[in-house]
Amino acid sequence: MIGIMADTHDNLSAIRDAVQLFNENGVELVIHAGDLIAPFTAKEFQKLDANFVAVFGNNDGERDGLKTAYHDLCLLEDFREFSVSGRKFAVIHGTQEPIVNALAKSGLYDVVIRGHTHKTEIIKDDTVIVNPGEVCGYVSGDRTVVLLDPETLGHEIVHL
């Protein structure tokens, strides 16, 4: 099982809730689609029992500090691609819609994971686009993550 999150925006309580949910559900990989914000958040993500992949978001201004804080957890970049269970994944924050759409239409990926809009959305087409919404709850008032089965691409939206 894969846990997908985005837009945590320093909300430590919400990050703790997400980490606890992922650990309780035996998630093997957690993907964060950007806007971690501050280096001090790394301490909460270190409590994950899962592997961790994350990308920078548009509000991640302290990039050097984030890279240093997260260096034991993951390599932070603007874009990541990898395979899980024979499925090809792309992760980008999604600030520019044309890039998200191009990734989805490229035929290179089974799943494109994005954040930025703070709106939970899962679009199933040839490529599945997953936006887990926001963990922080600051914009929508709703704190959400997604659990995704990498083999079937079945998913569950979880409200924290």
N, C-alpha and C. Protein backbone atom coordinates (compact mmCIF):
# COMPACT_ATOMS: atom_id res chain seq x y z
N MET A 1 0.84 -1.18 0.00
CA MET A 1 0.00 0.00 0.00
C MET A 1 0.88 1.24 0.00
N ILE A 2 0.44 2.26 -0.72
CA ILE A 2 1.15 3.54 -0.82
C ILE A 2 0.29 4.62 -0.15
N GLY A 3 0.93 5.45 0.64
CA GLY A 3 0.26 6.62 1.21
C GLY A 3 0.68 7.85 0.43
N ILE A 4 -0.31 8.67 0.07
CA ILE A 4 -0.03 9.86 -0.74
C ILE A 4 -0.54 11.08 0.01
N MET A 5 0.32 12.09 0.06
CA MET A 5 -0.02 13.32 0.77
C MET A 5 0.61 14.51 0.05
N ALA A 6 0.12 15.71 0.39
CA ALA A 6 0.68 16.94 -0.17
C ALA A 6 0.29 18.09 0.74
N ASP A 7 0.97 19.19 0.53
CA ASP A 7 0.58 20.45 1.16
C ASP A 7 0.38 20.33 2.67
N THR A 8 1.45 19.92 3.35
CA THR A 8 1.39 19.82 4.81
C THR A 8 1.59 21.17 5.48
N HIS A 9 2.30 22.08 4.85
CA HIS A 9 2.44 23.47 5.29
C HIS A 9 2.70 23.62 6.79
N ASP A 10 3.64 22.84 7.32
CA ASP A 10 4.08 22.97 8.72
C ASP A 10 3.03 22.61 9.76
N ASN A 11 1.92 22.03 9.39
CA ASN A 11 0.90 21.68 10.38
C ASN A 11 1.34 20.38 11.06
N LEU A 12 2.10 20.52 12.15
CA LEU A 12 2.69 19.36 12.81
C LEU A 12 1.64 18.38 13.33
N SER A 13 0.55 18.87 13.84
CA SER A 13 -0.52 17.99 14.33
C SER A 13 -1.08 17.15 13.19
N ALA A 14 -1.31 17.76 12.06
CA ALA A 14 -1.85 17.04 10.90
C ALA A 14 -0.81 16.05 10.36
N ILE A 15 0.46 16.44 10.35
CA ILE A 15 1.52 15.53 9.89
C ILE A 15 1.56 14.32 10.82
N ARG A 16 1.49 14.54 12.12
CA ARG A 16 1.50 13.42 13.09
C ARG A 16 0.32 12.48 12.83
N ASP A 17 -0.85 13.05 12.57
CA ASP A 17 -2.03 12.21 12.29
C ASP A 17 -1.82 11.38 11.03
N ALA A 18 -1.25 11.99 10.00
CA ALA A 18 -1.01 11.27 8.74
C ALA A 18 0.02 10.16 8.95
N VAL A 19 1.10 10.46 9.65
CA VAL A 19 2.14 9.46 9.92
C VAL A 19 1.55 8.30 10.70
N GLN A 20 0.74 8.60 11.70
CA GLN A 20 0.11 7.55 12.50
C GLN A 20 -0.81 6.68 11.63
N LEU A 21 -1.59 7.31 10.78
CA LEU A 21 -2.49 6.57 9.88
C LEU A 21 -1.69 5.65 8.96
N PHE A 22 -0.63 6.17 8.36
CA PHE A 22 0.18 5.37 7.45
C PHE A 22 0.83 4.20 8.19
N ASN A 23 1.36 4.45 9.38
CA ASN A 23 1.99 3.38 10.16
C ASN A 23 0.97 2.33 10.57
N GLU A 24 -0.21 2.75 11.00
CA GLU A 24 -1.25 1.80 11.43
C GLU A 24 -1.76 0.94 10.28
N ASN A 25 -1.68 1.47 9.05
CA ASN A 25 -2.18 0.75 7.88
C ASN A 25 -1.08 -0.02 7.15
N GLY A 26 0.11 -0.08 7.72
CA GLY A 26 1.19 -0.85 7.12
C GLY A 26 1.64 -0.33 5.76
N VAL A 27 1.51 0.97 5.55
CA VAL A 27 1.93 1.57 4.29
C VAL A 27 3.44 1.36 4.12
N GLU A 28 3.83 0.94 2.92
CA GLU A 28 5.24 0.65 2.64
C GLU A 28 5.98 1.82 2.01
N LEU A 29 5.23 2.73 1.39
CA LEU A 29 5.82 3.89 0.74
C LEU A 29 4.89 5.08 0.95
N VAL A 30 5.47 6.21 1.37
CA VAL A 30 4.72 7.46 1.48
C VAL A 30 5.29 8.43 0.46
N ILE A 31 4.40 9.04 -0.31
CA ILE A 31 4.77 10.01 -1.33
C ILE A 31 4.19 11.37 -0.93
N HIS A 32 5.05 12.38 -0.87
CA HIS A 32 4.63 13.73 -0.53
C HIS A 32 4.82 14.61 -1.77
N ALA A 33 3.73 15.20 -2.24
CA ALA A 33 3.76 15.98 -3.49
C ALA A 33 4.02 17.46 -3.26
N GLY A 34 4.81 17.79 -2.26
CA GLY A 34 5.31 19.15 -2.13
C GLY A 34 4.61 20.05 -1.14
N ASP A 35 5.30 21.12 -0.81
CA ASP A 35 4.95 22.10 0.21
C ASP A 35 5.09 21.51 1.61
N LEU A 36 6.31 21.03 1.86
CA LEU A 36 6.72 20.61 3.20
C LEU A 36 6.88 21.85 4.08
N ILE A 37 7.46 22.88 3.54
CA ILE A 37 7.72 24.22 4.04
C ILE A 37 8.98 24.33 4.88
N ALA A 38 8.99 23.85 6.13
CA ALA A 38 10.13 24.11 7.01
C ALA A 38 10.93 22.85 7.31
N PRO A 39 12.23 23.00 7.48
CA PRO A 39 13.08 21.85 7.80
C PRO A 39 12.67 21.11 9.07
N PHE A 40 12.10 21.79 10.05
CA PHE A 40 11.75 21.12 11.31
C PHE A 40 10.70 20.04 11.15
N THR A 41 9.99 20.02 10.02
CA THR A 41 8.97 18.99 9.79
C THR A 41 9.58 17.61 9.58
N ALA A 42 10.85 17.56 9.22
CA ALA A 42 11.51 16.26 8.94
C ALA A 42 11.43 15.34 10.15
N LYS A 43 11.48 15.89 11.35
CA LYS A 43 11.45 15.06 12.57
C LYS A 43 10.18 14.22 12.64
N GLU A 44 9.07 14.77 12.18
CA GLU A 44 7.81 14.01 12.21
C GLU A 44 7.81 12.91 11.15
N PHE A 45 8.36 13.20 9.98
CA PHE A 45 8.40 12.20 8.91
C PHE A 45 9.39 11.08 9.21
N GLN A 46 10.36 11.35 10.07
CA GLN A 46 11.30 10.30 10.47
C GLN A 46 10.61 9.20 11.28
N LYS A 47 9.41 9.45 11.76
CA LYS A 47 8.65 8.47 12.53
C LYS A 47 7.89 7.49 11.64
N LEU A 48 7.96 7.70 10.33
CA LEU A 48 7.30 6.78 9.39
C LEU A 48 7.99 5.41 9.42
N ASP A 49 7.18 4.36 9.33
CA ASP A 49 7.70 3.01 9.18
C ASP A 49 7.92 2.66 7.71
N ALA A 50 7.64 3.60 6.83
CA ALA A 50 7.67 3.38 5.38
C ALA A 50 8.82 4.15 4.74
N ASN A 51 9.14 3.79 3.52
CA ASN A 51 10.04 4.60 2.70
C ASN A 51 9.33 5.90 2.37
N PHE A 52 10.10 6.93 2.07
CA PHE A 52 9.54 8.27 1.87
C PHE A 52 10.11 8.88 0.60
N VAL A 53 9.22 9.40 -0.24
CA VAL A 53 9.59 10.12 -1.46
C VAL A 53 8.88 11.47 -1.39
N ALA A 54 9.59 12.54 -1.68
CA ALA A 54 8.97 13.87 -1.66
C ALA A 54 9.57 14.74 -2.75
N VAL A 55 8.80 15.73 -3.15
CA VAL A 55 9.27 16.73 -4.11
C VAL A 55 9.05 18.11 -3.50
N PHE A 56 9.77 19.08 -4.03
CA PHE A 56 9.58 20.46 -3.61
C PHE A 56 8.26 21.00 -4.12
N GLY A 57 7.66 21.89 -3.34
CA GLY A 57 6.48 22.64 -3.77
C GLY A 57 6.86 24.09 -3.96
N ASN A 58 5.91 24.88 -4.44
CA ASN A 58 6.18 26.29 -4.72
C ASN A 58 6.42 27.11 -3.46
N ASN A 59 6.00 26.63 -2.29
CA ASN A 59 6.22 27.35 -1.04
C ASN A 59 7.43 26.85 -0.27
N ASP A 60 8.17 25.91 -0.82
CA ASP A 60 9.36 25.38 -0.17
C ASP A 60 10.55 26.27 -0.49
N GLY A 61 10.61 27.41 0.17
CA GLY A 61 11.63 28.41 -0.14
C GLY A 61 12.99 28.10 0.45
N GLU A 62 13.03 27.41 1.57
CA GLU A 62 14.29 27.12 2.25
C GLU A 62 14.84 25.78 1.76
N ARG A 63 15.13 25.70 0.48
CA ARG A 63 15.49 24.43 -0.15
C ARG A 63 16.76 23.81 0.42
N ASP A 64 17.77 24.60 0.67
CA ASP A 64 19.01 24.04 1.22
C ASP A 64 18.77 23.46 2.61
N GLY A 65 18.01 24.18 3.42
CA GLY A 65 17.69 23.68 4.76
C GLY A 65 16.84 22.43 4.71
N LEU A 66 15.89 22.37 3.77
CA LEU A 66 15.07 21.18 3.61
C LEU A 66 15.91 19.99 3.15
N LYS A 67 16.80 20.22 2.19
CA LYS A 67 17.67 19.14 1.71
C LYS A 67 18.51 18.57 2.85
N THR A 68 19.03 19.45 3.68
CA THR A 68 19.84 19.00 4.82
C THR A 68 18.98 18.23 5.82
N ALA A 69 17.83 18.77 6.18
CA ALA A 69 16.96 18.14 7.18
C ALA A 69 16.42 16.79 6.71
N TYR A 70 16.15 16.68 5.42
CA TYR A 70 15.53 15.47 4.87
C TYR A 70 16.54 14.49 4.27
N HIS A 71 17.83 14.78 4.35
CA HIS A 71 18.81 13.96 3.63
C HIS A 71 18.80 12.49 4.03
N ASP A 72 18.42 12.16 5.27
CA ASP A 72 18.34 10.76 5.68
C ASP A 72 17.04 10.09 5.24
N LEU A 73 16.06 10.90 4.87
CA LEU A 73 14.75 10.38 4.47
C LEU A 73 14.60 10.21 2.97
N CYS A 74 15.03 11.23 2.23
CA CYS A 74 14.83 11.19 0.78
C CYS A 74 15.66 12.28 0.11
N LEU A 75 15.75 12.17 -1.19
CA LEU A 75 16.38 13.17 -2.02
C LEU A 75 15.29 14.12 -2.50
N LEU A 76 15.37 15.37 -2.12
CA LEU A 76 14.35 16.35 -2.53
C LEU A 76 14.73 16.99 -3.85
N GLU A 77 13.79 16.93 -4.79
CA GLU A 77 13.95 17.54 -6.11
C GLU A 77 12.60 18.11 -6.52
N ASP A 78 12.53 18.73 -7.71
CA ASP A 78 11.26 19.25 -8.21
C ASP A 78 10.39 18.17 -8.84
N PHE A 79 11.02 17.08 -9.26
CA PHE A 79 10.30 16.02 -9.97
C PHE A 79 10.95 14.69 -9.63
N ARG A 80 10.13 13.67 -9.45
CA ARG A 80 10.65 12.32 -9.20
C ARG A 80 9.87 11.34 -10.07
N GLU A 81 10.57 10.29 -10.50
CA GLU A 81 9.92 9.18 -11.18
C GLU A 81 10.52 7.89 -10.67
N PHE A 82 9.69 6.86 -10.57
CA PHE A 82 10.11 5.56 -10.04
C PHE A 82 9.04 4.54 -10.38
N SER A 83 9.35 3.27 -10.13
CA SER A 83 8.39 2.19 -10.37
C SER A 83 8.09 1.47 -9.07
N VAL A 84 6.84 1.04 -8.93
CA VAL A 84 6.38 0.23 -7.81
C VAL A 84 5.43 -0.81 -8.38
N SER A 85 5.67 -2.07 -8.07
CA SER A 85 4.80 -3.17 -8.52
C SER A 85 4.58 -3.13 -10.04
N GLY A 86 5.63 -2.77 -10.78
CA GLY A 86 5.53 -2.74 -12.24
C GLY A 86 4.81 -1.53 -12.78
N ARG A 87 4.44 -0.59 -11.92
CA ARG A 87 3.76 0.64 -12.35
C ARG A 87 4.75 1.80 -12.30
N LYS A 88 4.70 2.64 -13.31
CA LYS A 88 5.59 3.80 -13.39
C LYS A 88 4.87 5.02 -12.80
N PHE A 89 5.53 5.68 -11.84
CA PHE A 89 4.98 6.84 -11.15
C PHE A 89 5.78 8.09 -11.47
N ALA A 90 5.09 9.22 -11.57
CA ALA A 90 5.71 10.54 -11.65
C ALA A 90 5.14 11.37 -10.51
N VAL A 91 6.00 12.16 -9.86
CA VAL A 91 5.56 13.03 -8.77
C VAL A 91 6.06 14.44 -9.04
N ILE A 92 5.12 15.38 -9.00
CA ILE A 92 5.43 16.79 -9.23
C ILE A 92 4.45 17.59 -8.38
N HIS A 93 4.85 18.77 -7.95
CA HIS A 93 3.94 19.56 -7.13
C HIS A 93 2.71 19.98 -7.94
N GLY A 94 2.91 20.38 -9.17
CA GLY A 94 1.77 20.66 -10.04
C GLY A 94 1.40 22.12 -10.14
N THR A 95 2.36 22.99 -9.95
CA THR A 95 2.11 24.42 -10.03
C THR A 95 1.63 24.83 -11.43
N GLN A 96 2.12 24.15 -12.44
CA GLN A 96 1.74 24.47 -13.82
C GLN A 96 0.91 23.33 -14.41
N GLU A 97 -0.37 23.58 -14.60
CA GLU A 97 -1.29 22.57 -15.12
C GLU A 97 -0.85 21.96 -16.45
N PRO A 98 -0.33 22.75 -17.41
CA PRO A 98 0.10 22.15 -18.67
C PRO A 98 1.16 21.06 -18.49
N ILE A 99 2.04 21.21 -17.49
CA ILE A 99 3.06 20.19 -17.25
C ILE A 99 2.42 18.93 -16.68
N VAL A 100 1.50 19.08 -15.74
CA VAL A 100 0.79 17.92 -15.18
C VAL A 100 0.07 17.19 -16.30
N ASN A 101 -0.64 17.94 -17.15
CA ASN A 101 -1.38 17.32 -18.26
C ASN A 101 -0.44 16.64 -19.25
N ALA A 102 0.71 17.25 -19.53
CA ALA A 102 1.67 16.64 -20.45
C ALA A 102 2.22 15.33 -19.89
N LEU A 103 2.51 15.31 -18.60
CA LEU A 103 2.98 14.07 -17.97
C LEU A 103 1.93 12.98 -18.10
N ALA A 104 0.68 13.34 -17.84
CA ALA A 104 -0.41 12.36 -17.90
C ALA A 104 -0.63 11.85 -19.32
N LYS A 105 -0.49 12.71 -20.30
CA LYS A 105 -0.75 12.33 -21.69
C LYS A 105 0.47 11.74 -22.39
N SER A 106 1.62 11.77 -21.74
CA SER A 106 2.86 11.31 -22.38
C SER A 106 2.88 9.81 -22.63
N GLY A 107 2.09 9.06 -21.87
CA GLY A 107 2.11 7.61 -21.99
C GLY A 107 3.27 6.96 -21.25
N LEU A 108 4.07 7.76 -20.58
CA LEU A 108 5.23 7.23 -19.86
C LEU A 108 4.88 6.73 -18.45
N TYR A 109 3.77 7.19 -17.91
CA TYR A 109 3.45 6.92 -16.51
C TYR A 109 2.07 6.31 -16.34
N ASP A 110 1.99 5.39 -15.38
CA ASP A 110 0.69 4.84 -15.00
C ASP A 110 -0.02 5.77 -14.02
N VAL A 111 0.78 6.45 -13.19
CA VAL A 111 0.22 7.32 -12.16
C VAL A 111 1.04 8.61 -12.11
N VAL A 112 0.34 9.74 -12.12
CA VAL A 112 0.96 11.05 -11.89
C VAL A 112 0.38 11.57 -10.58
N ILE A 113 1.27 11.87 -9.64
CA ILE A 113 0.86 12.38 -8.33
C ILE A 113 1.24 13.85 -8.27
N ARG A 114 0.27 14.64 -7.85
CA ARG A 114 0.49 16.09 -7.79
C ARG A 114 -0.21 16.67 -6.57
N GLY A 115 0.08 17.90 -6.25
CA GLY A 115 -0.55 18.61 -5.15
C GLY A 115 -0.94 20.00 -5.63
N HIS A 116 -0.64 21.01 -4.83
CA HIS A 116 -0.73 22.43 -5.14
C HIS A 116 -2.13 23.03 -5.04
N THR A 117 -3.15 22.38 -5.54
CA THR A 117 -4.48 23.00 -5.57
C THR A 117 -5.22 22.89 -4.24
N HIS A 118 -4.74 22.03 -3.36
CA HIS A 118 -5.39 21.77 -2.06
C HIS A 118 -6.76 21.13 -2.24
N LYS A 119 -7.04 20.59 -3.41
CA LYS A 119 -8.32 19.93 -3.69
C LYS A 119 -8.08 18.45 -3.97
N THR A 120 -8.79 17.60 -3.26
CA THR A 120 -8.68 16.17 -3.49
C THR A 120 -9.32 15.84 -4.83
N GLU A 121 -8.55 15.15 -5.69
CA GLU A 121 -9.07 14.81 -7.01
C GLU A 121 -8.32 13.59 -7.53
N ILE A 122 -9.08 12.63 -8.02
CA ILE A 122 -8.49 11.46 -8.66
C ILE A 122 -9.15 11.30 -10.02
N ILE A 123 -8.33 11.41 -11.04
CA ILE A 123 -8.82 11.31 -12.42
C ILE A 123 -8.30 10.01 -12.99
N LYS A 124 -9.22 9.13 -13.37
CA LYS A 124 -8.82 7.84 -13.94
C LYS A 124 -9.00 7.89 -15.45
N ASP A 125 -7.89 7.80 -16.14
CA ASP A 125 -7.87 7.73 -17.59
C ASP A 125 -6.78 6.72 -17.92
N ASP A 126 -6.13 6.84 -19.06
CA ASP A 126 -5.01 5.95 -19.35
C ASP A 126 -3.95 6.08 -18.27
N THR A 127 -3.76 7.30 -17.79
CA THR A 127 -2.89 7.58 -16.66
C THR A 127 -3.77 8.10 -15.53
N VAL A 128 -3.57 7.58 -14.34
CA VAL A 128 -4.32 8.05 -13.18
C VAL A 128 -3.60 9.26 -12.60
N ILE A 129 -4.34 10.34 -12.40
CA ILE A 129 -3.80 11.53 -11.75
C ILE A 129 -4.37 11.58 -10.35
N VAL A 130 -3.46 11.64 -9.35
CA VAL A 130 -3.89 11.67 -7.96
C VAL A 130 -3.45 12.97 -7.31
N ASN A 131 -4.42 13.72 -6.83
CA ASN A 131 -4.14 14.87 -5.98
C ASN A 131 -4.79 14.54 -4.63
N PRO A 132 -3.97 14.32 -3.59
CA PRO A 132 -4.52 13.91 -2.30
C PRO A 132 -5.19 15.02 -1.52
N GLY A 133 -5.23 16.22 -2.06
CA GLY A 133 -5.77 17.35 -1.32
C GLY A 133 -4.71 17.91 -0.40
N GLU A 134 -5.14 18.43 0.73
CA GLU A 134 -4.19 19.05 1.65
C GLU A 134 -4.22 18.36 3.00
N VAL A 135 -3.04 18.10 3.54
CA VAL A 135 -2.95 17.56 4.89
C VAL A 135 -3.19 18.67 5.90
N CYS A 136 -2.73 19.88 5.59
CA CYS A 136 -2.79 20.98 6.56
C CYS A 136 -4.21 21.42 6.90
N GLY A 137 -5.12 21.37 5.94
CA GLY A 137 -6.49 21.80 6.17
C GLY A 137 -6.68 23.30 6.18
N TYR A 138 -5.68 24.07 5.83
CA TYR A 138 -5.75 25.52 5.92
C TYR A 138 -6.66 26.17 4.89
N VAL A 139 -6.71 25.62 3.68
CA VAL A 139 -7.48 26.24 2.60
C VAL A 139 -8.90 25.68 2.53
N SER A 140 -9.02 24.36 2.51
CA SER A 140 -10.34 23.74 2.34
C SER A 140 -11.03 23.45 3.67
N GLY A 141 -10.24 23.42 4.75
CA GLY A 141 -10.79 23.02 6.04
C GLY A 141 -10.86 21.52 6.19
N ASP A 142 -10.39 20.80 5.17
CA ASP A 142 -10.44 19.34 5.17
C ASP A 142 -9.01 18.81 5.07
N ARG A 143 -8.64 17.90 5.96
CA ARG A 143 -7.30 17.31 5.96
C ARG A 143 -7.41 15.91 5.38
N THR A 144 -6.79 15.69 4.21
CA THR A 144 -6.94 14.41 3.51
C THR A 144 -5.61 13.84 3.04
N VAL A 145 -5.60 12.52 2.93
CA VAL A 145 -4.52 11.75 2.30
C VAL A 145 -5.20 10.69 1.45
N VAL A 146 -4.41 10.00 0.64
CA VAL A 146 -4.94 8.92 -0.20
C VAL A 146 -4.12 7.66 0.07
N LEU A 147 -4.81 6.55 0.20
CA LEU A 147 -4.17 5.23 0.22
C LEU A 147 -4.38 4.62 -1.15
N LEU A 148 -3.30 4.15 -1.77
CA LEU A 148 -3.36 3.62 -3.13
C LEU A 148 -2.74 2.24 -3.19
N ASP A 149 -3.45 1.30 -3.78
CA ASP A 149 -2.91 -0.03 -4.04
C ASP A 149 -2.15 0.04 -5.36
N PRO A 150 -0.83 -0.14 -5.36
CA PRO A 150 -0.07 0.03 -6.59
C PRO A 150 -0.35 -1.04 -7.65
N GLU A 151 -0.87 -2.16 -7.24
CA GLU A 151 -1.15 -3.23 -8.21
C GLU A 151 -2.46 -3.00 -8.94
N THR A 152 -3.53 -2.68 -8.20
CA THR A 152 -4.85 -2.51 -8.81
C THR A 152 -5.18 -1.06 -9.12
N LEU A 153 -4.41 -0.14 -8.53
CA LEU A 153 -4.66 1.30 -8.57
C LEU A 153 -5.98 1.68 -7.90
N GLY A 154 -6.50 0.76 -7.08
CA GLY A 154 -7.65 1.10 -6.24
C GLY A 154 -7.19 2.09 -5.19
N HIS A 155 -8.10 2.94 -4.75
CA HIS A 155 -7.71 3.99 -3.83
C HIS A 155 -8.79 4.25 -2.78
N GLU A 156 -8.35 4.89 -1.71
CA GLU A 156 -9.26 5.33 -0.66
C GLU A 156 -8.82 6.72 -0.23
N ILE A 157 -9.75 7.66 -0.22
CA ILE A 157 -9.49 9.01 0.29
C ILE A 157 -9.78 8.94 1.79
N VAL A 158 -8.80 9.34 2.60
CA VAL A 158 -8.96 9.27 4.05
C VAL A 158 -8.95 10.68 4.63
N HIS A 159 -9.95 11.00 5.42
CA HIS A 159 -10.04 12.26 6.12
C HIS A 159 -9.40 12.12 7.48
N LEU A 160 -8.42 12.93 7.76
CA LEU A 160 -7.69 12.86 9.02
C LEU A 160 -8.49 13.51 10.15
